[in-house]
Full PDB file with SEQRES, HELIX, SHEET, SSBOND, CRYST1, ORIGX, SCALE, CONECT and MASTER records, all heavy atoms in Angstrom:
SEQRES   1 A   40  ASP THR GLY ILE PHE THR GLY THR PHE ASP THR THR ARG          
SEQRES   2 A   40  TRP MET ALA ASP VAL LYS LEU THR GLY GLU TRP GLN LEU          
SEQRES   3 A   40  ASP GLU THR THR VAL LEU THR PRO LYS LEU ARG ALA VAL          
SEQRES   4 A   40  TYR                                                          
SHEET    1 AA1 2 ASP A  17  THR A  21  0                                        
SHEET    2 AA1 2 LYS A  35  VAL A  39 -1                                        
SHEET    1 AA2 2 TRP A  24  GLN A  25  0                                        
SHEET    2 AA2 2 VAL A  31  LEU A  32 -1                                        
CRYST1    1.000    1.000    1.000  90.00  90.00  90.00 P 1           1          
ORIGX1      1.000000  0.000000  0.000000        0.00000                         
ORIGX2      0.000000  1.000000  0.000000        0.00000                         
ORIGX3      0.000000  0.000000  1.000000        0.00000                         
SCALE1      1.000000  0.000000  0.000000        0.00000                         
SCALE2      0.000000  1.000000  0.000000        0.00000                         
SCALE3      0.000000  0.000000  1.000000        0.00000                         
ATOM      1  N   ASP A   1      39.677  82.886  -0.386  1.00  0.00           N  
ATOM      2  CA  ASP A   1      39.506  84.347  -0.363  1.00  0.00           C  
ATOM      3  C   ASP A   1      38.544  84.694  -1.477  1.00  0.00           C  
ATOM      4  O   ASP A   1      38.851  84.550  -2.653  1.00  0.00           O  
ATOM      5  CB  ASP A   1      40.849  85.037  -0.575  1.00  0.00           C  
ATOM      6  CG  ASP A   1      40.748  86.560  -0.508  1.00  0.00           C  
ATOM      7  OD1 ASP A   1      39.607  87.088  -0.410  1.00  0.00           O  
ATOM      8  OD2 ASP A   1      41.798  87.206  -0.555  1.00  0.00           O  
ATOM      9  N   THR A   2      37.332  85.139  -1.112  1.00  0.00           N  
ATOM     10  CA  THR A   2      36.315  85.468  -2.116  1.00  0.00           C  
ATOM     11  C   THR A   2      36.257  86.952  -2.434  1.00  0.00           C  
ATOM     12  O   THR A   2      35.455  87.368  -3.262  1.00  0.00           O  
ATOM     13  CB  THR A   2      34.914  85.032  -1.638  1.00  0.00           C  
ATOM     14  OG1 THR A   2      34.544  85.822  -0.517  1.00  0.00           O  
ATOM     15  CG2 THR A   2      34.877  83.561  -1.303  1.00  0.00           C  
ATOM     16  N   GLY A   3      37.060  87.750  -1.772  1.00  0.00           N  
ATOM     17  CA  GLY A   3      36.951  89.192  -1.924  1.00  0.00           C  
ATOM     18  C   GLY A   3      35.998  89.779  -0.907  1.00  0.00           C  
ATOM     19  O   GLY A   3      36.145  90.928  -0.503  1.00  0.00           O  
ATOM     20  N   ILE A   4      35.013  89.015  -0.453  1.00  0.00           N  
ATOM     21  CA  ILE A   4      34.067  89.445   0.571  1.00  0.00           C  
ATOM     22  C   ILE A   4      34.458  88.871   1.929  1.00  0.00           C  
ATOM     23  O   ILE A   4      34.381  89.536   2.947  1.00  0.00           O  
ATOM     24  CB  ILE A   4      32.628  89.017   0.207  1.00  0.00           C  
ATOM     25  CG1 ILE A   4      32.216  89.673  -1.112  1.00  0.00           C  
ATOM     26  CG2 ILE A   4      31.654  89.346   1.323  1.00  0.00           C  
ATOM     27  CD1 ILE A   4      30.901  89.164  -1.663  1.00  0.00           C  
ATOM     28  N   PHE A   5      34.862  87.610   1.935  1.00  0.00           N  
ATOM     29  CA  PHE A   5      35.312  86.982   3.178  1.00  0.00           C  
ATOM     30  C   PHE A   5      36.490  86.064   2.883  1.00  0.00           C  
ATOM     31  O   PHE A   5      36.719  85.670   1.741  1.00  0.00           O  
ATOM     32  CB  PHE A   5      34.171  86.202   3.871  1.00  0.00           C  
ATOM     33  CG  PHE A   5      33.770  84.952   3.159  1.00  0.00           C  
ATOM     34  CD1 PHE A   5      34.410  83.744   3.422  1.00  0.00           C  
ATOM     35  CD2 PHE A   5      32.739  84.954   2.228  1.00  0.00           C  
ATOM     36  CE1 PHE A   5      34.045  82.589   2.758  1.00  0.00           C  
ATOM     37  CE2 PHE A   5      32.363  83.797   1.573  1.00  0.00           C  
ATOM     38  CZ  PHE A   5      33.011  82.613   1.839  1.00  0.00           C  
ATOM     39  N   THR A   6      37.222  85.756   3.931  1.00  0.00           N  
ATOM     40  CA  THR A   6      38.325  84.798   3.842  1.00  0.00           C  
ATOM     41  C   THR A   6      38.117  83.730   4.900  1.00  0.00           C  
ATOM     42  O   THR A   6      37.425  83.953   5.901  1.00  0.00           O  
ATOM     43  CB  THR A   6      39.697  85.466   4.057  1.00  0.00           C  
ATOM     44  OG1 THR A   6      39.726  86.028   5.362  1.00  0.00           O  
ATOM     45  CG2 THR A   6      39.961  86.536   3.027  1.00  0.00           C  
ATOM     46  N   GLY A   7      38.703  82.581   4.674  1.00  0.00           N  
ATOM     47  CA  GLY A   7      38.573  81.507   5.652  1.00  0.00           C  
ATOM     48  C   GLY A   7      39.530  80.376   5.348  1.00  0.00           C  
ATOM     49  O   GLY A   7      40.250  80.396   4.345  1.00  0.00           O  
ATOM     50  N   THR A   8      39.514  79.411   6.233  1.00  0.00           N  
ATOM     51  CA  THR A   8      40.345  78.232   6.068  1.00  0.00           C  
ATOM     52  C   THR A   8      39.496  76.992   6.324  1.00  0.00           C  
ATOM     53  O   THR A   8      38.477  77.061   7.027  1.00  0.00           O  
ATOM     54  CB  THR A   8      41.542  78.219   7.044  1.00  0.00           C  
ATOM     55  OG1 THR A   8      41.057  78.182   8.376  1.00  0.00           O  
ATOM     56  CG2 THR A   8      42.419  79.441   6.857  1.00  0.00           C  
ATOM     57  N   PHE A   9      39.909  75.872   5.735  1.00  0.00           N  
ATOM     58  CA  PHE A   9      39.271  74.598   6.039  1.00  0.00           C  
ATOM     59  C   PHE A   9      40.271  73.481   5.799  1.00  0.00           C  
ATOM     60  O   PHE A   9      41.179  73.594   4.990  1.00  0.00           O  
ATOM     61  CB  PHE A   9      37.985  74.391   5.219  1.00  0.00           C  
ATOM     62  CG  PHE A   9      38.193  74.306   3.738  1.00  0.00           C  
ATOM     63  CD1 PHE A   9      38.318  73.069   3.115  1.00  0.00           C  
ATOM     64  CD2 PHE A   9      38.255  75.455   2.956  1.00  0.00           C  
ATOM     65  CE1 PHE A   9      38.507  72.985   1.749  1.00  0.00           C  
ATOM     66  CE2 PHE A   9      38.431  75.374   1.583  1.00  0.00           C  
ATOM     67  CZ  PHE A   9      38.561  74.138   0.975  1.00  0.00           C  
ATOM     68  N   ASP A  10      40.097  72.413   6.548  1.00  0.00           N  
ATOM     69  CA  ASP A  10      40.957  71.238   6.437  1.00  0.00           C  
ATOM     70  C   ASP A  10      40.124  70.053   5.958  1.00  0.00           C  
ATOM     71  O   ASP A  10      38.908  70.017   6.155  1.00  0.00           O  
ATOM     72  CB  ASP A  10      41.582  70.899   7.790  1.00  0.00           C  
ATOM     73  CG  ASP A  10      42.518  71.994   8.286  1.00  0.00           C  
ATOM     74  OD1 ASP A  10      43.109  72.687   7.442  1.00  0.00           O  
ATOM     75  OD2 ASP A  10      42.652  72.151   9.505  1.00  0.00           O  
ATOM     76  N   THR A  11      40.790  69.093   5.341  1.00  0.00           N  
ATOM     77  CA  THR A  11      40.113  67.888   4.883  1.00  0.00           C  
ATOM     78  C   THR A  11      40.869  66.659   5.367  1.00  0.00           C  
ATOM     79  O   THR A  11      42.027  66.733   5.765  1.00  0.00           O  
ATOM     80  CB  THR A  11      40.012  67.824   3.346  1.00  0.00           C  
ATOM     81  OG1 THR A  11      41.323  67.635   2.795  1.00  0.00           O  
ATOM     82  CG2 THR A  11      39.384  69.072   2.771  1.00  0.00           C  
ATOM     83  N   THR A  12      40.183  65.535   5.306  1.00  0.00           N  
ATOM     84  CA  THR A  12      40.767  64.226   5.570  1.00  0.00           C  
ATOM     85  C   THR A  12      40.603  63.394   4.301  1.00  0.00           C  
ATOM     86  O   THR A  12      39.537  63.423   3.680  1.00  0.00           O  
ATOM     87  CB  THR A  12      40.050  63.525   6.735  1.00  0.00           C  
ATOM     88  OG1 THR A  12      40.171  64.347   7.896  1.00  0.00           O  
ATOM     89  CG2 THR A  12      40.636  62.171   7.023  1.00  0.00           C  
ATOM     90  N   ARG A  13      41.662  62.656   3.926  1.00  0.00           N  
ATOM     91  CA  ARG A  13      41.650  61.865   2.692  1.00  0.00           C  
ATOM     92  C   ARG A  13      41.953  60.397   2.983  1.00  0.00           C  
ATOM     93  O   ARG A  13      42.790  60.087   3.812  1.00  0.00           O  
ATOM     94  CB  ARG A  13      42.743  62.341   1.732  1.00  0.00           C  
ATOM     95  CG  ARG A  13      42.658  63.756   1.299  1.00  0.00           C  
ATOM     96  CD  ARG A  13      43.904  64.121   0.520  1.00  0.00           C  
ATOM     97  NE  ARG A  13      43.786  65.448  -0.071  1.00  0.00           N  
ATOM     98  CZ  ARG A  13      44.750  66.036  -0.750  1.00  0.00           C  
ATOM     99  NH1 ARG A  13      45.914  65.426  -0.925  1.00  0.00           N  
ATOM    100  NH2 ARG A  13      44.568  67.229  -1.260  1.00  0.00           N  
ATOM    101  N   TRP A  14      41.278  59.526   2.225  1.00  0.00           N  
ATOM    102  CA  TRP A  14      41.587  58.093   2.194  1.00  0.00           C  
ATOM    103  C   TRP A  14      41.693  57.676   0.739  1.00  0.00           C  
ATOM    104  O   TRP A  14      40.876  58.085  -0.089  1.00  0.00           O  
ATOM    105  CB  TRP A  14      40.485  57.272   2.848  1.00  0.00           C  
ATOM    106  CG  TRP A  14      40.528  57.261   4.332  1.00  0.00           C  
ATOM    107  CD1 TRP A  14      39.784  58.030   5.178  1.00  0.00           C  
ATOM    108  CD2 TRP A  14      41.364  56.448   5.149  1.00  0.00           C  
ATOM    109  NE1 TRP A  14      40.109  57.745   6.472  1.00  0.00           N  
ATOM    110  CE2 TRP A  14      41.081  56.769   6.486  1.00  0.00           C  
ATOM    111  CE3 TRP A  14      42.328  55.482   4.878  1.00  0.00           C  
ATOM    112  CZ2 TRP A  14      41.719  56.154   7.544  1.00  0.00           C  
ATOM    113  CZ3 TRP A  14      42.965  54.863   5.936  1.00  0.00           C  
ATOM    114  CH2 TRP A  14      42.652  55.202   7.259  1.00  0.00           C  
ATOM    115  N   MET A  15      42.676  56.843   0.440  1.00  0.00           N  
ATOM    116  CA  MET A  15      42.804  56.322  -0.923  1.00  0.00           C  
ATOM    117  C   MET A  15      43.259  54.869  -0.858  1.00  0.00           C  
ATOM    118  O   MET A  15      44.198  54.532  -0.143  1.00  0.00           O  
ATOM    119  CB  MET A  15      43.807  57.134  -1.739  1.00  0.00           C  
ATOM    120  CG  MET A  15      43.947  56.647  -3.148  1.00  0.00           C  
ATOM    121  SD  MET A  15      45.040  57.740  -4.082  1.00  0.00           S  
ATOM    122  CE  MET A  15      45.266  56.741  -5.538  1.00  0.00           C  
ATOM    123  N   ALA A  16      42.577  54.021  -1.608  1.00  0.00           N  
ATOM    124  CA  ALA A  16      42.978  52.623  -1.777  1.00  0.00           C  
ATOM    125  C   ALA A  16      43.087  52.376  -3.270  1.00  0.00           C  
ATOM    126  O   ALA A  16      42.227  52.801  -4.049  1.00  0.00           O  
ATOM    127  CB  ALA A  16      41.950  51.689  -1.148  1.00  0.00           C  
ATOM    128  N   ASP A  17      44.141  51.709  -3.686  1.00  0.00           N  
ATOM    129  CA  ASP A  17      44.402  51.465  -5.104  1.00  0.00           C  
ATOM    130  C   ASP A  17      44.939  50.044  -5.254  1.00  0.00           C  
ATOM    131  O   ASP A  17      45.945  49.692  -4.637  1.00  0.00           O  
ATOM    132  CB  ASP A  17      45.429  52.491  -5.603  1.00  0.00           C  
ATOM    133  CG  ASP A  17      45.701  52.410  -7.094  1.00  0.00           C  
ATOM    134  OD1 ASP A  17      45.080  51.595  -7.795  1.00  0.00           O  
ATOM    135  OD2 ASP A  17      46.557  53.182  -7.559  1.00  0.00           O  
ATOM    136  N   VAL A  18      44.252  49.225  -6.059  1.00  0.00           N  
ATOM    137  CA  VAL A  18      44.671  47.851  -6.322  1.00  0.00           C  
ATOM    138  C   VAL A  18      44.738  47.674  -7.828  1.00  0.00           C  
ATOM    139  O   VAL A  18      43.808  48.052  -8.543  1.00  0.00           O  
ATOM    140  CB  VAL A  18      43.692  46.833  -5.701  1.00  0.00           C  
ATOM    141  CG1 VAL A  18      44.120  45.407  -6.011  1.00  0.00           C  
ATOM    142  CG2 VAL A  18      43.576  47.041  -4.206  1.00  0.00           C  
ATOM    143  N   LYS A  19      45.841  47.084  -8.304  1.00  0.00           N  
ATOM    144  CA  LYS A  19      46.050  46.964  -9.747  1.00  0.00           C  
ATOM    145  C   LYS A  19      46.644  45.593 -10.064  1.00  0.00           C  
ATOM    146  O   LYS A  19      47.556  45.127  -9.391  1.00  0.00           O  
ATOM    147  CB  LYS A  19      46.981  48.074 -10.202  1.00  0.00           C  
ATOM    148  CG  LYS A  19      47.362  48.049 -11.646  1.00  0.00           C  
ATOM    149  CD  LYS A  19      48.176  49.268 -12.055  1.00  0.00           C  
ATOM    150  CE  LYS A  19      49.448  49.386 -11.272  1.00  0.00           C  
ATOM    151  NZ  LYS A  19      50.376  50.404 -11.784  1.00  0.00           N  
ATOM    152  N   LEU A  20      46.126  44.969 -11.119  1.00  0.00           N  
ATOM    153  CA  LEU A  20      46.650  43.711 -11.647  1.00  0.00           C  
ATOM    154  C   LEU A  20      47.115  43.974 -13.075  1.00  0.00           C  
ATOM    155  O   LEU A  20      46.317  44.380 -13.921  1.00  0.00           O  
ATOM    156  CB  LEU A  20      45.568  42.631 -11.637  1.00  0.00           C  
ATOM    157  CG  LEU A  20      45.947  41.267 -12.183  1.00  0.00           C  
ATOM    158  CD1 LEU A  20      46.973  40.597 -11.273  1.00  0.00           C  
ATOM    159  CD2 LEU A  20      44.718  40.391 -12.330  1.00  0.00           C  
ATOM    160  N   THR A  21      48.406  43.782 -13.345  1.00  0.00           N  
ATOM    161  CA  THR A  21      48.961  44.030 -14.678  1.00  0.00           C  
ATOM    162  C   THR A  21      50.051  43.015 -14.980  1.00  0.00           C  
ATOM    163  O   THR A  21      50.555  42.341 -14.088  1.00  0.00           O  
ATOM    164  CB  THR A  21      49.596  45.435 -14.788  1.00  0.00           C  
ATOM    165  OG1 THR A  21      50.624  45.563 -13.820  1.00  0.00           O  
ATOM    166  CG2 THR A  21      48.581  46.533 -14.620  1.00  0.00           C  
ATOM    167  N   GLY A  22      50.412  42.973 -16.237  1.00  0.00           N  
ATOM    168  CA  GLY A  22      51.546  42.134 -16.613  1.00  0.00           C  
ATOM    169  C   GLY A  22      51.376  41.483 -17.960  1.00  0.00           C  
ATOM    170  O   GLY A  22      50.496  41.826 -18.753  1.00  0.00           O  
ATOM    171  N   GLU A  23      52.234  40.531 -18.172  1.00  0.00           N  
ATOM    172  CA  GLU A  23      52.220  39.769 -19.414  1.00  0.00           C  
ATOM    173  C   GLU A  23      52.608  38.338 -19.071  1.00  0.00           C  
ATOM    174  O   GLU A  23      53.706  38.085 -18.578  1.00  0.00           O  
ATOM    175  CB  GLU A  23      53.221  40.372 -20.398  1.00  0.00           C  
ATOM    176  CG  GLU A  23      53.095  39.830 -21.785  1.00  0.00           C  
ATOM    177  CD  GLU A  23      53.955  40.608 -22.759  1.00  0.00           C  
ATOM    178  OE1 GLU A  23      53.548  41.707 -23.150  1.00  0.00           O  
ATOM    179  OE2 GLU A  23      55.034  40.086 -23.103  1.00  0.00           O  
ATOM    180  N   TRP A  24      51.693  37.408 -19.335  1.00  0.00           N  
ATOM    181  CA  TRP A  24      51.880  36.019 -18.967  1.00  0.00           C  
ATOM    182  C   TRP A  24      51.903  35.174 -20.225  1.00  0.00           C  
ATOM    183  O   TRP A  24      50.910  35.078 -20.935  1.00  0.00           O  
ATOM    184  CB  TRP A  24      50.746  35.604 -18.050  1.00  0.00           C  
ATOM    185  CG  TRP A  24      50.858  34.278 -17.398  1.00  0.00           C  
ATOM    186  CD1 TRP A  24      51.903  33.411 -17.407  1.00  0.00           C  
ATOM    187  CD2 TRP A  24      49.852  33.658 -16.607  1.00  0.00           C  
ATOM    188  NE1 TRP A  24      51.624  32.300 -16.678  1.00  0.00           N  
ATOM    189  CE2 TRP A  24      50.356  32.428 -16.169  1.00  0.00           C  
ATOM    190  CE3 TRP A  24      48.568  34.024 -16.224  1.00  0.00           C  
ATOM    191  CZ2 TRP A  24      49.625  31.557 -15.366  1.00  0.00           C  
ATOM    192  CZ3 TRP A  24      47.845  33.164 -15.428  1.00  0.00           C  
ATOM    193  CH2 TRP A  24      48.376  31.944 -15.007  1.00  0.00           C  
ATOM    194  N   GLN A  25      53.036  34.556 -20.506  1.00  0.00           N  
ATOM    195  CA  GLN A  25      53.217  33.725 -21.696  1.00  0.00           C  
ATOM    196  C   GLN A  25      52.649  32.340 -21.392  1.00  0.00           C  
ATOM    197  O   GLN A  25      53.247  31.562 -20.649  1.00  0.00           O  
ATOM    198  CB  GLN A  25      54.701  33.626 -22.049  1.00  0.00           C  
ATOM    199  CG  GLN A  25      54.988  32.934 -23.354  1.00  0.00           C  
ATOM    200  CD  GLN A  25      54.810  33.862 -24.545  1.00  0.00           C  
ATOM    201  OE1 GLN A  25      55.128  35.036 -24.470  1.00  0.00           O  
ATOM    202  NE2 GLN A  25      54.289  33.330 -25.629  1.00  0.00           N  
ATOM    203  N   LEU A  26      51.469  32.022 -21.969  1.00  0.00           N  
ATOM    204  CA  LEU A  26      50.831  30.731 -21.710  1.00  0.00           C  
ATOM    205  C   LEU A  26      51.472  29.609 -22.523  1.00  0.00           C  
ATOM    206  O   LEU A  26      51.636  28.499 -22.037  1.00  0.00           O  
ATOM    207  CB  LEU A  26      49.336  30.813 -22.000  1.00  0.00           C  
ATOM    208  CG  LEU A  26      48.547  31.795 -21.123  1.00  0.00           C  
ATOM    209  CD1 LEU A  26      47.098  31.834 -21.546  1.00  0.00           C  
ATOM    210  CD2 LEU A  26      48.669  31.435 -19.659  1.00  0.00           C  
ATOM    211  N   ASP A  27      51.785  29.901 -23.786  1.00  0.00           N  
ATOM    212  CA  ASP A  27      52.502  28.962 -24.648  1.00  0.00           C  
ATOM    213  C   ASP A  27      53.234  29.772 -25.709  1.00  0.00           C  
ATOM    214  O   ASP A  27      53.334  30.986 -25.599  1.00  0.00           O  
ATOM    215  CB  ASP A  27      51.570  27.899 -25.244  1.00  0.00           C  
ATOM    216  CG  ASP A  27      50.435  28.478 -26.077  1.00  0.00           C  
ATOM    217  OD1 ASP A  27      50.641  29.515 -26.748  1.00  0.00           O  
ATOM    218  OD2 ASP A  27      49.335  27.908 -26.065  1.00  0.00           O  
ATOM    219  N   GLU A  28      53.747  29.127 -26.745  1.00  0.00           N  
ATOM    220  CA  GLU A  28      54.542  29.832 -27.754  1.00  0.00           C  
ATOM    221  C   GLU A  28      53.779  30.934 -28.470  1.00  0.00           C  
ATOM    222  O   GLU A  28      54.367  31.921 -28.910  1.00  0.00           O  
ATOM    223  CB  GLU A  28      55.091  28.836 -28.777  1.00  0.00           C  
ATOM    224  CG  GLU A  28      56.173  27.940 -28.239  1.00  0.00           C  
ATOM    225  CD  GLU A  28      56.734  27.012 -29.306  1.00  0.00           C  
ATOM    226  OE1 GLU A  28      56.553  27.287 -30.512  1.00  0.00           O  
ATOM    227  OE2 GLU A  28      57.355  26.017 -28.922  1.00  0.00           O  
ATOM    228  N   THR A  29      52.475  30.785 -28.617  1.00  0.00           N  
ATOM    229  CA  THR A  29      51.695  31.765 -29.384  1.00  0.00           C  
ATOM    230  C   THR A  29      50.665  32.537 -28.565  1.00  0.00           C  
ATOM    231  O   THR A  29      50.049  33.459 -29.083  1.00  0.00           O  
ATOM    232  CB  THR A  29      50.957  31.065 -30.541  1.00  0.00           C  
ATOM    233  OG1 THR A  29      50.091  30.056 -30.000  1.00  0.00           O  
ATOM    234  CG2 THR A  29      51.940  30.452 -31.521  1.00  0.00           C  
ATOM    235  N   THR A  30      50.473  32.177 -27.307  1.00  0.00           N  
ATOM    236  CA  THR A  30      49.411  32.796 -26.512  1.00  0.00           C  
ATOM    237  C   THR A  30      50.010  33.577 -25.343  1.00  0.00           C  
ATOM    238  O   THR A  30      50.742  33.022 -24.526  1.00  0.00           O  
ATOM    239  CB  THR A  30      48.445  31.735 -25.963  1.00  0.00           C  
ATOM    240  OG1 THR A  30      47.996  30.916 -27.029  1.00  0.00           O  
ATOM    241  CG2 THR A  30      47.261  32.392 -25.285  1.00  0.00           C  
ATOM    242  N   VAL A  31      49.659  34.860 -25.304  1.00  0.00           N  
ATOM    243  CA  VAL A  31      50.099  35.730 -24.213  1.00  0.00           C  
ATOM    244  C   VAL A  31      48.861  36.348 -23.567  1.00  0.00           C  
ATOM    245  O   VAL A  31      48.019  36.918 -24.250  1.00  0.00           O  
ATOM    246  CB  VAL A  31      51.034  36.846 -24.732  1.00  0.00           C  
ATOM    247  CG1 VAL A  31      51.423  37.774 -23.597  1.00  0.00           C  
ATOM    248  CG2 VAL A  31      52.262  36.257 -25.387  1.00  0.00           C  
ATOM    249  N   LEU A  32      48.755  36.231 -22.264  1.00  0.00           N  
ATOM    250  CA  LEU A  32      47.673  36.842 -21.494  1.00  0.00           C  
ATOM    251  C   LEU A  32      48.198  38.148 -20.917  1.00  0.00           C  
ATOM    252  O   LEU A  32      49.245  38.170 -20.264  1.00  0.00           O  
ATOM    253  CB  LEU A  32      47.224  35.896 -20.381  1.00  0.00           C  
ATOM    254  CG  LEU A  32      46.113  36.369 -19.467  1.00  0.00           C  
ATOM    255  CD1 LEU A  32      44.818  36.535 -20.249  1.00  0.00           C  
ATOM    256  CD2 LEU A  32      45.926  35.381 -18.326  1.00  0.00           C  
ATOM    257  N   THR A  33      47.499  39.257 -21.176  1.00  0.00           N  
ATOM    258  CA  THR A  33      47.912  40.570 -20.651  1.00  0.00           C  
ATOM    259  C   THR A  33      46.795  41.165 -19.797  1.00  0.00           C  
ATOM    260  O   THR A  33      46.021  41.998 -20.257  1.00  0.00           O  
ATOM    261  CB  THR A  33      48.290  41.538 -21.793  1.00  0.00           C  
ATOM    262  OG1 THR A  33      47.178  41.633 -22.685  1.00  0.00           O  
ATOM    263  CG2 THR A  33      49.504  41.084 -22.537  1.00  0.00           C  
ATOM    264  N   PRO A  34      46.701  40.734 -18.545  1.00  0.00           N  
ATOM    265  CA  PRO A  34      45.634  41.250 -17.685  1.00  0.00           C  
ATOM    266  C   PRO A  34      45.864  42.712 -17.322  1.00  0.00           C  
ATOM    267  O   PRO A  34      46.997  43.152 -17.132  1.00  0.00           O  
ATOM    268  CB  PRO A  34      45.733  40.362 -16.440  1.00  0.00           C  
ATOM    269  CG  PRO A  34      47.145  39.928 -16.408  1.00  0.00           C  
ATOM    270  CD  PRO A  34      47.576  39.811 -17.850  1.00  0.00           C  
ATOM    271  N   LYS A  35      44.756  43.455 -17.277  1.00  0.00           N  
ATOM    272  CA  LYS A  35      44.774  44.847 -16.827  1.00  0.00           C  
ATOM    273  C   LYS A  35      43.475  45.087 -16.075  1.00  0.00           C  
ATOM    274  O   LYS A  35      42.412  45.137 -16.664  1.00  0.00           O  
ATOM    275  CB  LYS A  35      44.883  45.814 -18.004  1.00  0.00           C  
ATOM    276  CG  LYS A  35      46.211  45.766 -18.688  1.00  0.00           C  
ATOM    277  CD  LYS A  35      46.323  46.815 -19.762  1.00  0.00           C  
ATOM    278  CE  LYS A  35      47.689  46.687 -20.398  1.00  0.00           C  
ATOM    279  NZ  LYS A  35      47.932  47.696 -21.390  1.00  0.00           N  
ATOM    280  N   LEU A  36      43.615  45.218 -14.778  1.00  0.00           N  
ATOM    281  CA  LEU A  36      42.464  45.456 -13.922  1.00  0.00           C  
ATOM    282  C   LEU A  36      42.898  46.413 -12.827  1.00  0.00           C  
ATOM    283  O   LEU A  36      43.954  46.231 -12.223  1.00  0.00           O  
ATOM    284  CB  LEU A  36      41.979  44.137 -13.307  1.00  0.00           C  
ATOM    285  CG  LEU A  36      40.811  44.225 -12.327  1.00  0.00           C  
ATOM    286  CD1 LEU A  36      39.550  44.683 -13.048  1.00  0.00           C  
ATOM    287  CD2 LEU A  36      40.593  42.891 -11.658  1.00  0.00           C  
ATOM    288  N   ARG A  37      42.102  47.448 -12.592  1.00  0.00           N  
ATOM    289  CA  ARG A  37      42.455  48.423 -11.560  1.00  0.00           C  
ATOM    290  C   ARG A  37      41.195  48.909 -10.862  1.00  0.00           C  
ATOM    291  O   ARG A  37      40.186  49.207 -11.503  1.00  0.00           O  
ATOM    292  CB  ARG A  37      43.188  49.608 -12.176  1.00  0.00           C  
ATOM    293  CG  ARG A  37      43.705  50.577 -11.142  1.00  0.00           C  
ATOM    294  CD  ARG A  37      44.600  51.612 -11.740  1.00  0.00           C  
ATOM    295  NE  ARG A  37      45.214  52.423 -10.702  1.00  0.00           N  
ATOM    296  CZ  ARG A  37      45.942  53.469 -10.937  1.00  0.00           C  
ATOM    297  NH1 ARG A  37      46.188  53.838 -12.182  1.00  0.00           N  
ATOM    298  NH2 ARG A  37      46.459  54.157  -9.945  1.00  0.00           N  
ATOM    299  N   ALA A  38      41.275  49.010  -9.535  1.00  0.00           N  
ATOM    300  CA  ALA A  38      40.189  49.564  -8.732  1.00  0.00           C  
ATOM    301  C   ALA A  38      40.786  50.631  -7.819  1.00  0.00           C  
ATOM    302  O   ALA A  38      41.786  50.385  -7.147  1.00  0.00           O  
ATOM    303  CB  ALA A  38      39.528  48.479  -7.898  1.00  0.00           C  
ATOM    304  N   VAL A  39      40.178  51.821  -7.836  1.00  0.00           N  
ATOM    305  CA  VAL A  39      40.656  52.932  -7.018  1.00  0.00           C  
ATOM    306  C   VAL A  39      39.484  53.487  -6.213  1.00  0.00           C  
ATOM    307  O   VAL A  39      38.404  53.706  -6.755  1.00  0.00           O  
ATOM    308  CB  VAL A  39      41.258  54.064  -7.893  1.00  0.00           C  
ATOM    309  CG1 VAL A  39      41.686  55.235  -7.026  1.00  0.00           C  
ATOM    310  CG2 VAL A  39      42.422  53.544  -8.708  1.00  0.00           C  
ATOM    311  N   TYR A  40      39.719  53.710  -4.934  1.00  0.00           N  
ATOM    312  CA  TYR A  40      38.752  54.377  -4.069  1.00  0.00           C  
ATOM    313  C   TYR A  40      39.433  55.620  -3.513  1.00  0.00           C  
ATOM    314  O   TYR A  40      40.551  55.542  -3.001  1.00  0.00           O  
ATOM    315  CB  TYR A  40      38.332  53.437  -2.918  1.00  0.00           C  
ATOM    316  CG  TYR A  40      37.547  54.150  -1.850  1.00  0.00           C  
ATOM    317  CD1 TYR A  40      36.199  54.401  -2.018  1.00  0.00           C  
ATOM    318  CD2 TYR A  40      38.153  54.580  -0.677  1.00  0.00           C  
ATOM    319  CE1 TYR A  40      35.459  55.062  -1.035  1.00  0.00           C  
ATOM    320  CE2 TYR A  40      37.439  55.244   0.301  1.00  0.00           C  
ATOM    321  CZ  TYR A  40      36.094  55.479   0.118  1.00  0.00           C  
ATOM    322  OH  TYR A  40      35.381  56.145   1.074  1.00  0.00           O  
TER     323      TYR A  40                                                      
MASTER        0    0    0    0    4    0    0    6  322    1    0    4          
END                                                                             
């Protein structure tokens, strides 16, 4: 509603989300903490 005209519209959405996370104990002193994310 713009004050001059009113209207309606619809949209279509797509979303893809992939994530790699965690904590991986390689040995007593080494921990790998991967963090990777891709979103469309």
